[in-house]
PDB file of all heavy atoms in Angstrom:
ATOM      1  N   ARG A   1     -27.907   0.202  -5.153  1.00  0.00           N
ATOM      2  CA  ARG A   1     -27.207   1.546  -5.610  1.00  0.00           C
ATOM      3  C   ARG A   1     -26.681   2.313  -4.454  1.00  0.00           C
ATOM      4  O   ARG A   1     -25.543   2.826  -4.670  1.00  0.00           O
ATOM      5  CB  ARG A   1     -28.476   2.318  -6.263  1.00  0.00           C
ATOM      6  CG  ARG A   1     -28.869   1.762  -7.578  1.00  0.00           C
ATOM      7  CD  ARG A   1     -29.863   2.696  -8.229  1.00  0.00           C
ATOM      8  NE  ARG A   1     -30.379   2.212  -9.502  1.00  0.00           N
ATOM      9  CZ  ARG A   1     -31.338   2.809 -10.222  1.00  0.00           C
ATOM     10  NH1 ARG A   1     -31.968   3.908  -9.872  1.00  0.00           N
ATOM     11  NH2 ARG A   1     -31.612   2.216 -11.494  1.00  0.00           N
ATOM     12  N   LEU A   2     -27.260   2.348  -3.352  1.00  0.00           N
ATOM     13  CA  LEU A   2     -26.716   3.053  -2.219  1.00  0.00           C
ATOM     14  C   LEU A   2     -25.438   2.522  -1.688  1.00  0.00           C
ATOM     15  O   LEU A   2     -24.433   3.158  -1.462  1.00  0.00           O
ATOM     16  CB  LEU A   2     -27.751   3.141  -0.991  1.00  0.00           C
ATOM     17  CG  LEU A   2     -28.933   4.027  -1.290  1.00  0.00           C
ATOM     18  CD1 LEU A   2     -29.887   3.844  -0.026  1.00  0.00           C
ATOM     19  CD2 LEU A   2     -28.537   5.476  -1.321  1.00  0.00           C
ATOM     20  N   LYS A   3     -25.366   1.187  -1.731  1.00  0.00           N
ATOM     21  CA  LYS A   3     -24.153   0.403  -1.167  1.00  0.00           C
ATOM     22  C   LYS A   3     -23.074   0.648  -2.252  1.00  0.00           C
ATOM     23  O   LYS A   3     -21.887   0.914  -1.917  1.00  0.00           O
ATOM     24  CB  LYS A   3     -24.520  -1.066  -1.101  1.00  0.00           C
ATOM     25  CG  LYS A   3     -25.301  -1.296   0.061  1.00  0.00           C
ATOM     26  CD  LYS A   3     -25.431  -2.869   0.294  1.00  0.00           C
ATOM     27  CE  LYS A   3     -26.259  -3.256   1.468  1.00  0.00           C
ATOM     28  NZ  LYS A   3     -26.393  -4.655   1.691  1.00  0.00           N
ATOM     29  N   PHE A   4     -23.437   0.742  -3.493  1.00  0.00           N
ATOM     30  CA  PHE A   4     -22.344   0.964  -4.577  1.00  0.00           C
ATOM     31  C   PHE A   4     -21.772   2.348  -4.540  1.00  0.00           C
ATOM     32  O   PHE A   4     -20.604   2.597  -4.582  1.00  0.00           O
ATOM     33  CB  PHE A   4     -23.034   0.771  -5.872  1.00  0.00           C
ATOM     34  CG  PHE A   4     -22.134   1.060  -7.107  1.00  0.00           C
ATOM     35  CD1 PHE A   4     -21.214   0.048  -7.398  1.00  0.00           C
ATOM     36  CD2 PHE A   4     -22.191   2.225  -7.726  1.00  0.00           C
ATOM     37  CE1 PHE A   4     -20.244   0.386  -8.447  1.00  0.00           C
ATOM     38  CE2 PHE A   4     -21.373   2.466  -8.847  1.00  0.00           C
ATOM     39  CZ  PHE A   4     -20.425   1.542  -9.204  1.00  0.00           C
ATOM     40  N   ARG A   5     -22.603   3.363  -4.167  1.00  0.00           N
ATOM     41  CA  ARG A   5     -22.191   4.769  -4.043  1.00  0.00           C
ATOM     42  C   ARG A   5     -21.193   4.896  -2.839  1.00  0.00           C
ATOM     43  O   ARG A   5     -20.236   5.546  -2.850  1.00  0.00           O
ATOM     44  CB  ARG A   5     -23.298   5.665  -3.893  1.00  0.00           C
ATOM     45  CG  ARG A   5     -24.106   5.890  -5.169  1.00  0.00           C
ATOM     46  CD  ARG A   5     -25.230   6.920  -5.105  1.00  0.00           C
ATOM     47  NE  ARG A   5     -26.011   7.097  -6.308  1.00  0.00           N
ATOM     48  CZ  ARG A   5     -27.155   7.776  -6.315  1.00  0.00           C
ATOM     49  NH1 ARG A   5     -27.581   8.369  -5.224  1.00  0.00           N
ATOM     50  NH2 ARG A   5     -27.678   7.905  -7.565  1.00  0.00           N
ATOM     51  N   GLN A   6     -21.709   4.209  -1.737  1.00  0.00           N
ATOM     52  CA  GLN A   6     -20.825   4.222  -0.464  1.00  0.00           C
ATOM     53  C   GLN A   6     -19.422   3.672  -0.768  1.00  0.00           C
ATOM     54  O   GLN A   6     -18.419   4.138  -0.349  1.00  0.00           O
ATOM     55  CB  GLN A   6     -21.547   3.537   0.644  1.00  0.00           C
ATOM     56  CG  GLN A   6     -22.754   4.283   1.156  1.00  0.00           C
ATOM     57  CD  GLN A   6     -23.455   3.520   2.310  1.00  0.00           C
ATOM     58  OE1 GLN A   6     -23.174   2.407   2.514  1.00  0.00           O
ATOM     59  NE2 GLN A   6     -24.522   4.169   2.790  1.00  0.00           N
ATOM     60  N   LEU A   7     -19.436   2.542  -1.443  1.00  0.00           N
ATOM     61  CA  LEU A   7     -18.116   1.901  -1.754  1.00  0.00           C
ATOM     62  C   LEU A   7     -17.290   2.722  -2.567  1.00  0.00           C
ATOM     63  O   LEU A   7     -16.004   2.852  -2.569  1.00  0.00           O
ATOM     64  CB  LEU A   7     -18.413   0.503  -2.449  1.00  0.00           C
ATOM     65  CG  LEU A   7     -19.048  -0.534  -1.438  1.00  0.00           C
ATOM     66  CD1 LEU A   7     -19.420  -1.774  -2.284  1.00  0.00           C
ATOM     67  CD2 LEU A   7     -17.977  -0.932  -0.369  1.00  0.00           C
ATOM     68  N   LEU A   8     -17.972   3.437  -3.567  1.00  0.00           N
ATOM     69  CA  LEU A   8     -17.255   4.278  -4.483  1.00  0.00           C
ATOM     70  C   LEU A   8     -16.657   5.520  -3.757  1.00  0.00           C
ATOM     71  O   LEU A   8     -15.435   5.839  -3.996  1.00  0.00           O
ATOM     72  CB  LEU A   8     -18.183   4.791  -5.582  1.00  0.00           C
ATOM     73  CG  LEU A   8     -17.537   5.705  -6.684  1.00  0.00           C
ATOM     74  CD1 LEU A   8     -16.441   4.951  -7.371  1.00  0.00           C
ATOM     75  CD2 LEU A   8     -18.579   6.113  -7.766  1.00  0.00           C
ATOM     76  N   LEU A   9     -17.365   6.080  -2.907  1.00  0.00           N
ATOM     77  CA  LEU A   9     -16.855   7.259  -2.077  1.00  0.00           C
ATOM     78  C   LEU A   9     -15.692   6.755  -1.101  1.00  0.00           C
ATOM     79  O   LEU A   9     -14.626   7.464  -0.992  1.00  0.00           O
ATOM     80  CB  LEU A   9     -17.887   7.793  -1.222  1.00  0.00           C
ATOM     81  CG  LEU A   9     -19.055   8.601  -2.015  1.00  0.00           C
ATOM     82  CD1 LEU A   9     -20.179   9.029  -1.109  1.00  0.00           C
ATOM     83  CD2 LEU A   9     -18.476   9.932  -2.679  1.00  0.00           C
ATOM     84  N   LEU A  10     -15.792   5.633  -0.588  1.00  0.00           N
ATOM     85  CA  LEU A  10     -14.730   5.194   0.282  1.00  0.00           C
ATOM     86  C   LEU A  10     -13.391   4.843  -0.458  1.00  0.00           C
ATOM     87  O   LEU A  10     -12.350   5.103   0.031  1.00  0.00           O
ATOM     88  CB  LEU A  10     -15.218   3.873   1.024  1.00  0.00           C
ATOM     89  CG  LEU A  10     -16.259   4.072   2.028  1.00  0.00           C
ATOM     90  CD1 LEU A  10     -16.730   2.741   2.630  1.00  0.00           C
ATOM     91  CD2 LEU A  10     -15.720   4.911   3.246  1.00  0.00           C
ATOM     92  N   SER A  11     -13.655   4.441  -1.664  1.00  0.00           N
ATOM     93  CA  SER A  11     -12.435   4.084  -2.486  1.00  0.00           C
ATOM     94  C   SER A  11     -11.714   5.437  -3.042  1.00  0.00           C
ATOM     95  O   SER A  11     -10.563   5.415  -3.235  1.00  0.00           O
ATOM     96  CB  SER A  11     -12.803   3.192  -3.630  1.00  0.00           C
ATOM     97  OG  SER A  11     -13.774   3.863  -4.487  1.00  0.00           O
ATOM     98  N   LEU A  12     -12.431   6.462  -3.276  1.00  0.00           N
ATOM     99  CA  LEU A  12     -11.959   7.729  -3.687  1.00  0.00           C
ATOM    100  C   LEU A  12     -11.344   8.671  -2.641  1.00  0.00           C
ATOM    101  O   LEU A  12     -10.549   9.472  -2.884  1.00  0.00           O
ATOM    102  CB  LEU A  12     -12.967   8.534  -4.483  1.00  0.00           C
ATOM    103  CG  LEU A  12     -13.500   7.844  -5.859  1.00  0.00           C
ATOM    104  CD1 LEU A  12     -14.600   8.642  -6.411  1.00  0.00           C
ATOM    105  CD2 LEU A  12     -12.383   7.756  -6.828  1.00  0.00           C
ATOM    106  N   LEU A  13     -11.809   8.409  -1.305  1.00  0.00           N
ATOM    107  CA  LEU A  13     -11.388   9.307  -0.311  1.00  0.00           C
ATOM    108  C   LEU A  13      -9.972   9.245   0.002  1.00  0.00           C
ATOM    109  O   LEU A  13      -9.266  10.445   0.128  1.00  0.00           O
ATOM    110  CB  LEU A  13     -12.165   8.795   1.021  1.00  0.00           C
ATOM    111  CG  LEU A  13     -11.939   9.758   2.191  1.00  0.00           C
ATOM    112  CD1 LEU A  13     -12.378  11.207   1.987  1.00  0.00           C
ATOM    113  CD2 LEU A  13     -12.705   9.248   3.348  1.00  0.00           C
ATOM    114  N   PRO A  14      -9.163   8.195   0.003  1.00  0.00           N
ATOM    115  CA  PRO A  14      -7.675   8.128   0.215  1.00  0.00           C
ATOM    116  C   PRO A  14      -6.978   9.030  -0.916  1.00  0.00           C
ATOM    117  O   PRO A  14      -6.008   9.719  -0.706  1.00  0.00           O
ATOM    118  CB  PRO A  14      -7.355   6.707   0.171  1.00  0.00           C
ATOM    119  CG  PRO A  14      -8.520   6.033   0.605  1.00  0.00           C
ATOM    120  CD  PRO A  14      -9.715   6.842  -0.007  1.00  0.00           C
ATOM    121  N   LEU A  15      -7.497   8.821  -2.198  1.00  0.00           N
ATOM    122  CA  LEU A  15      -6.975   9.533  -3.267  1.00  0.00           C
ATOM    123  C   LEU A  15      -6.984  11.088  -3.122  1.00  0.00           C
ATOM    124  O   LEU A  15      -6.090  11.740  -3.364  1.00  0.00           O
ATOM    125  CB  LEU A  15      -7.563   9.065  -4.548  1.00  0.00           C
ATOM    126  CG  LEU A  15      -7.074   9.705  -5.941  1.00  0.00           C
ATOM    127  CD1 LEU A  15      -5.580   9.263  -6.009  1.00  0.00           C
ATOM    128  CD2 LEU A  15      -7.785   9.077  -7.089  1.00  0.00           C
ATOM    129  N   LEU A  16      -8.194  11.545  -2.753  1.00  0.00           N
ATOM    130  CA  LEU A  16      -8.401  12.993  -2.482  1.00  0.00           C
ATOM    131  C   LEU A  16      -7.488  13.456  -1.509  1.00  0.00           C
ATOM    132  O   LEU A  16      -6.925  14.550  -1.488  1.00  0.00           O
ATOM    133  CB  LEU A  16      -9.937  13.295  -2.226  1.00  0.00           C
ATOM    134  CG  LEU A  16     -10.852  12.993  -3.429  1.00  0.00           C
ATOM    135  CD1 LEU A  16     -12.281  13.118  -2.932  1.00  0.00           C
ATOM    136  CD2 LEU A  16     -10.590  13.913  -4.517  1.00  0.00           C
ATOM    137  N   MET A  17      -7.349  12.724  -0.348  1.00  0.00           N
ATOM    138  CA  MET A  17      -6.486  13.253   0.828  1.00  0.00           C
ATOM    139  C   MET A  17      -5.121  13.184   0.465  1.00  0.00           C
ATOM    140  O   MET A  17      -4.294  14.139   0.723  1.00  0.00           O
ATOM    141  CB  MET A  17      -6.748  12.273   1.980  1.00  0.00           C
ATOM    142  CG  MET A  17      -8.113  12.296   2.601  1.00  0.00           C
ATOM    143  SD  MET A  17      -8.375  11.189   3.995  1.00  0.00           S
ATOM    144  CE  MET A  17      -7.148  11.800   5.170  1.00  0.00           C
ATOM    145  N   PHE A  18      -4.621  12.364  -0.380  1.00  0.00           N
ATOM    146  CA  PHE A  18      -3.245  12.355  -0.839  1.00  0.00           C
ATOM    147  C   PHE A  18      -2.898  13.508  -1.724  1.00  0.00           C
ATOM    148  O   PHE A  18      -1.899  14.036  -1.604  1.00  0.00           O
ATOM    149  CB  PHE A  18      -3.063  11.004  -1.641  1.00  0.00           C
ATOM    150  CG  PHE A  18      -1.690  10.878  -2.222  1.00  0.00           C
ATOM    151  CD1 PHE A  18      -0.582  10.470  -1.343  1.00  0.00           C
ATOM    152  CD2 PHE A  18      -1.432  11.220  -3.524  1.00  0.00           C
ATOM    153  CE1 PHE A  18       0.637  10.446  -1.867  1.00  0.00           C
ATOM    154  CE2 PHE A  18      -0.082  11.048  -4.016  1.00  0.00           C
ATOM    155  CZ  PHE A  18       0.989  10.691  -3.242  1.00  0.00           C
ATOM    156  N   ASN A  19      -3.850  13.910  -2.631  1.00  0.00           N
ATOM    157  CA  ASN A  19      -3.578  14.990  -3.480  1.00  0.00           C
ATOM    158  C   ASN A  19      -3.606  16.380  -2.760  1.00  0.00           C
ATOM    159  O   ASN A  19      -2.890  17.291  -3.106  1.00  0.00           O
ATOM    160  CB  ASN A  19      -4.658  15.030  -4.577  1.00  0.00           C
ATOM    161  CG  ASN A  19      -4.472  13.856  -5.571  1.00  0.00           C
ATOM    162  OD1 ASN A  19      -3.278  13.353  -5.804  1.00  0.00           O
ATOM    163  ND2 ASN A  19      -5.559  13.467  -6.183  1.00  0.00           N
ATOM    164  N   CYS A  20      -4.413  16.504  -1.651  1.00  0.00           N
ATOM    165  CA  CYS A  20      -4.531  17.759  -1.017  1.00  0.00           C
ATOM    166  C   CYS A  20      -3.417  18.068  -0.046  1.00  0.00           C
ATOM    167  O   CYS A  20      -2.923  19.117   0.156  1.00  0.00           O
ATOM    168  CB  CYS A  20      -5.842  17.890  -0.381  1.00  0.00           C
ATOM    169  SG  CYS A  20      -7.239  17.935  -1.408  1.00  0.00           S
ATOM    170  N   SER A  21      -2.979  17.001   0.611  1.00  0.00           N
ATOM    171  CA  SER A  21      -2.032  17.166   1.762  1.00  0.00           C
ATOM    172  C   SER A  21      -0.629  17.682   1.249  1.00  0.00           C
ATOM    173  O   SER A  21      -0.142  18.631   1.844  1.00  0.00           O
ATOM    174  CB  SER A  21      -1.755  15.741   2.413  1.00  0.00           C
ATOM    175  OG  SER A  21      -0.857  15.895   3.353  1.00  0.00           O
ATOM    176  N   PRO A  22       0.024  17.258   0.256  1.00  0.00           N
ATOM    177  CA  PRO A  22       1.353  17.737  -0.147  1.00  0.00           C
ATOM    178  C   PRO A  22       1.292  19.319  -0.562  1.00  0.00           C
ATOM    179  O   PRO A  22       2.122  19.973  -0.295  1.00  0.00           O
ATOM    180  CB  PRO A  22       1.776  16.863  -1.351  1.00  0.00           C
ATOM    181  CG  PRO A  22       0.972  15.644  -1.132  1.00  0.00           C
ATOM    182  CD  PRO A  22      -0.307  16.057  -0.528  1.00  0.00           C
ATOM    183  N   GLN A  23       0.246  19.656  -1.253  1.00  0.00           N
ATOM    184  CA  GLN A  23       0.082  21.005  -1.731  1.00  0.00           C
ATOM    185  C   GLN A  23       0.004  21.988  -0.634  1.00  0.00           C
ATOM    186  O   GLN A  23       0.669  23.000  -0.571  1.00  0.00           O
ATOM    187  CB  GLN A  23      -1.159  21.185  -2.643  1.00  0.00           C
ATOM    188  CG  GLN A  23      -1.255  22.561  -3.244  1.00  0.00           C
ATOM    189  CD  GLN A  23      -2.430  22.651  -4.279  1.00  0.00           C
ATOM    190  OE1 GLN A  23      -3.099  21.624  -4.317  1.00  0.00           O
ATOM    191  NE2 GLN A  23      -2.590  23.802  -4.734  1.00  0.00           N
ATOM    192  N   GLN A  24      -0.766  21.575   0.399  1.00  0.00           N
ATOM    193  CA  GLN A  24      -0.865  22.400   1.679  1.00  0.00           C
ATOM    194  C   GLN A  24       0.413  22.537   2.381  1.00  0.00           C
ATOM    195  O   GLN A  24       0.892  23.534   2.875  1.00  0.00           O
ATOM    196  CB  GLN A  24      -2.040  21.920   2.577  1.00  0.00           C
ATOM    197  CG  GLN A  24      -2.234  22.785   3.766  1.00  0.00           C
ATOM    198  CD  GLN A  24      -3.403  22.301   4.648  1.00  0.00           C
ATOM    199  OE1 GLN A  24      -4.000  21.178   4.310  1.00  0.00           O
ATOM    200  NE2 GLN A  24      -3.782  22.909   5.680  1.00  0.00           N
ATOM    201  N   LYS A  25       1.193  21.437   2.452  1.00  0.00           N
ATOM    202  CA  LYS A  25       2.495  21.425   3.105  1.00  0.00           C
ATOM    203  C   LYS A  25       3.519  22.268   2.437  1.00  0.00           C
ATOM    204  O   LYS A  25       4.241  22.963   3.006  1.00  0.00           O
ATOM    205  CB  LYS A  25       2.919  19.946   3.245  1.00  0.00           C
ATOM    206  CG  LYS A  25       4.118  19.803   4.129  1.00  0.00           C
ATOM    207  CD  LYS A  25       4.466  18.302   4.215  1.00  0.00           C
ATOM    208  CE  LYS A  25       5.646  18.107   5.209  1.00  0.00           C
ATOM    209  NZ  LYS A  25       5.975  16.702   5.375  1.00  0.00           N
ATOM    210  N   THR A  26       3.470  22.299   1.071  1.00  0.00           N
ATOM    211  CA  THR A  26       4.398  23.110   0.346  1.00  0.00           C
ATOM    212  C   THR A  26       4.098  24.506   0.439  1.00  0.00           C
ATOM    213  O   THR A  26       4.998  25.291   0.642  1.00  0.00           O
ATOM    214  CB  THR A  26       4.305  22.722  -1.181  1.00  0.00           C
ATOM    215  OG1 THR A  26       4.530  21.359  -1.349  1.00  0.00           O
ATOM    216  CG2 THR A  26       5.261  23.481  -2.027  1.00  0.00           C
ATOM    217  N   GLU A  27       2.821  24.923   0.465  1.00  0.00           N
ATOM    218  CA  GLU A  27       2.477  26.402   0.655  1.00  0.00           C
ATOM    219  C   GLU A  27       2.899  26.874   2.069  1.00  0.00           C
ATOM    220  O   GLU A  27       3.265  27.998   2.110  1.00  0.00           O
ATOM    221  CB  GLU A  27       0.907  26.443   0.476  1.00  0.00           C
ATOM    222  CG  GLU A  27       0.571  26.254  -0.944  1.00  0.00           C
ATOM    223  CD  GLU A  27      -0.976  26.317  -1.152  1.00  0.00           C
ATOM    224  OE1 GLU A  27      -1.691  26.372  -0.117  1.00  0.00           O
ATOM    225  OE2 GLU A  27      -1.481  26.287  -2.330  1.00  0.00           O
ATOM    226  N   GLU A  28       2.942  26.035   2.999  1.00  0.00           N
ATOM    227  CA  GLU A  28       3.235  26.459   4.329  1.00  0.00           C
ATOM    228  C   GLU A  28       4.752  26.742   4.463  1.00  0.00           C
ATOM    229  O   GLU A  28       5.268  27.671   5.052  1.00  0.00           O
ATOM    230  CB  GLU A  28       2.911  25.433   5.405  1.00  0.00           C
ATOM    231  CG  GLU A  28       1.393  25.338   5.673  1.00  0.00           C
ATOM    232  CD  GLU A  28       0.891  24.308   6.621  1.00  0.00           C
ATOM    233  OE1 GLU A  28       1.835  23.546   6.940  1.00  0.00           O
ATOM    234  OE2 GLU A  28      -0.233  24.258   6.905  1.00  0.00           O
TER     235      GLU A  28
END
């Protein structure tokens, strides 16, 4: 279960970074 959660977080991390970065750049 722990290994499954770690893999799930690692797979979602790039998606979260991609969504946040453009919005911050536009606001600047």
